Amino acid sequence: MTDYEKKVLAALDEHGAMLTRDVAAEVRPMFGNSNHMHSAAVRSWLLSLEKQGLVRRLDNQKPVCWLRAATANDGEAQCPATP
């Protein structure tokens, strides 16, 4: 597991369900030279962690909201409102 993947998991542990962009805002240092590139990298790490069974999507809605797979009582998990 990469350092960035560990930071993604730490962000989800601290905040619960989060949008991809919110996870990206928590993961530092920035990967690449733009917010867009960093967010795309975070999405790639989230997909990799999903394949490993460590994170999952809260639902099938867009934008995608992520949470740790081991989170208990999913009924209480809510994604932040989108603007």
Protein backbone atom coordinates (compact mmCIF):
# COMPACT_ATOMS: atom_id res chain seq x y z
CA MET A 1 0.00 0.00 0.00
CA THR A 2 1.37 3.41 -0.98
CA ASP A 3 1.74 6.39 1.35
CA TYR A 4 -0.99 8.18 -0.58
CA GLU A 5 -3.38 5.25 -0.18
CA LYS A 6 -2.71 5.33 3.57
CA LYS A 7 -3.52 9.07 3.59
CA VAL A 8 -6.78 8.41 1.72
CA LEU A 9 -7.78 5.82 4.32
CA ALA A 10 -6.81 8.19 7.14
CA ALA A 11 -9.01 10.93 5.68
CA LEU A 12 -11.97 8.56 5.48
CA ASP A 13 -11.33 7.33 9.03
CA GLU A 14 -11.37 10.89 10.33
CA HIS A 15 -14.35 12.23 8.42
CA GLY A 16 -16.54 9.27 7.47
CA ALA A 17 -18.34 9.45 4.11
CA MET A 18 -16.69 11.91 1.73
CA LEU A 19 -16.90 13.02 -1.87
CA THR A 20 -13.83 12.38 -4.03
CA ARG A 21 -13.00 16.09 -4.10
CA ASP A 22 -13.18 16.28 -0.30
CA VAL A 23 -10.84 13.31 0.06
CA ALA A 24 -8.47 15.03 -2.37
CA ALA A 25 -8.56 18.20 -0.27
CA GLU A 26 -7.43 16.20 2.79
CA VAL A 27 -4.61 14.29 1.08
CA ARG A 28 -1.34 16.23 1.03
CA PRO A 29 1.16 16.84 -0.45
CA MET A 30 -0.56 17.45 -3.76
CA PHE A 31 0.15 14.83 -6.40
CA GLY A 32 1.13 16.42 -9.72
CA ASN A 33 0.98 20.11 -10.53
CA SER A 34 -2.76 20.88 -10.52
CA ASN A 35 -5.88 20.24 -8.45
CA HIS A 36 -7.38 18.34 -11.39
CA MET A 37 -4.42 15.96 -11.61
CA HIS A 38 -4.40 15.49 -7.83
CA SER A 39 -8.14 14.72 -7.73
CA ALA A 40 -7.77 12.22 -10.59
CA ALA A 41 -4.95 10.49 -8.71
CA VAL A 42 -7.07 10.32 -5.55
CA ARG A 43 -9.92 8.79 -7.56
CA SER A 44 -7.48 6.20 -8.92
CA TRP A 45 -6.33 5.33 -5.38
CA LEU A 46 -9.94 5.11 -4.21
CA LEU A 47 -10.75 2.69 -7.04
CA SER A 48 -7.69 0.61 -6.16
CA LEU A 49 -8.71 0.54 -2.48
CA GLU A 50 -12.24 -0.42 -3.55
CA LYS A 51 -10.85 -3.43 -5.44
CA GLN A 52 -8.94 -4.42 -2.29
CA GLY A 53 -12.17 -4.21 -0.28
CA LEU A 54 -10.97 -1.38 1.96
CA VAL A 55 -13.37 1.33 0.79
CA ARG A 56 -16.75 1.32 -0.89
CA ARG A 57 -19.22 3.66 -2.49
CA LEU A 58 -22.01 4.84 -0.24
CA ASP A 59 -24.56 4.44 -3.04
CA ASN A 60 -24.85 4.56 -6.83
CA GLN A 61 -25.47 8.30 -6.96
CA LYS A 62 -23.24 10.90 -8.56
CA PRO A 63 -21.04 12.48 -7.37
CA VAL A 64 -19.52 9.38 -5.81
CA CYS A 65 -19.37 9.35 -2.03
CA TRP A 66 -16.81 7.03 -0.42
CA LEU A 67 -16.47 5.45 2.99
CA ARG A 68 -14.37 2.80 4.68
CA ALA A 69 -15.68 -0.70 4.03
CA ALA A 70 -15.39 -1.58 7.72
CA THR A 71 -17.66 1.31 8.78
CA ALA A 72 -20.41 -0.02 11.00
CA ASN A 73 -24.02 1.13 10.87
CA ASP A 74 -24.04 2.41 7.28
CA GLY A 75 -27.56 3.74 7.74
CA GLU A 76 -26.11 6.71 9.60
CA ALA A 77 -23.49 7.53 6.97
CA GLN A 78 -24.29 10.56 4.88
CA CYS A 79 -22.38 12.31 2.18
CA PRO A 80 -22.01 16.10 2.39
CA ALA A 81 -24.46 18.10 0.28
CA THR A 82 -23.18 19.18 -3.11
CA PRO A 83 -23.42 22.80 -4.15
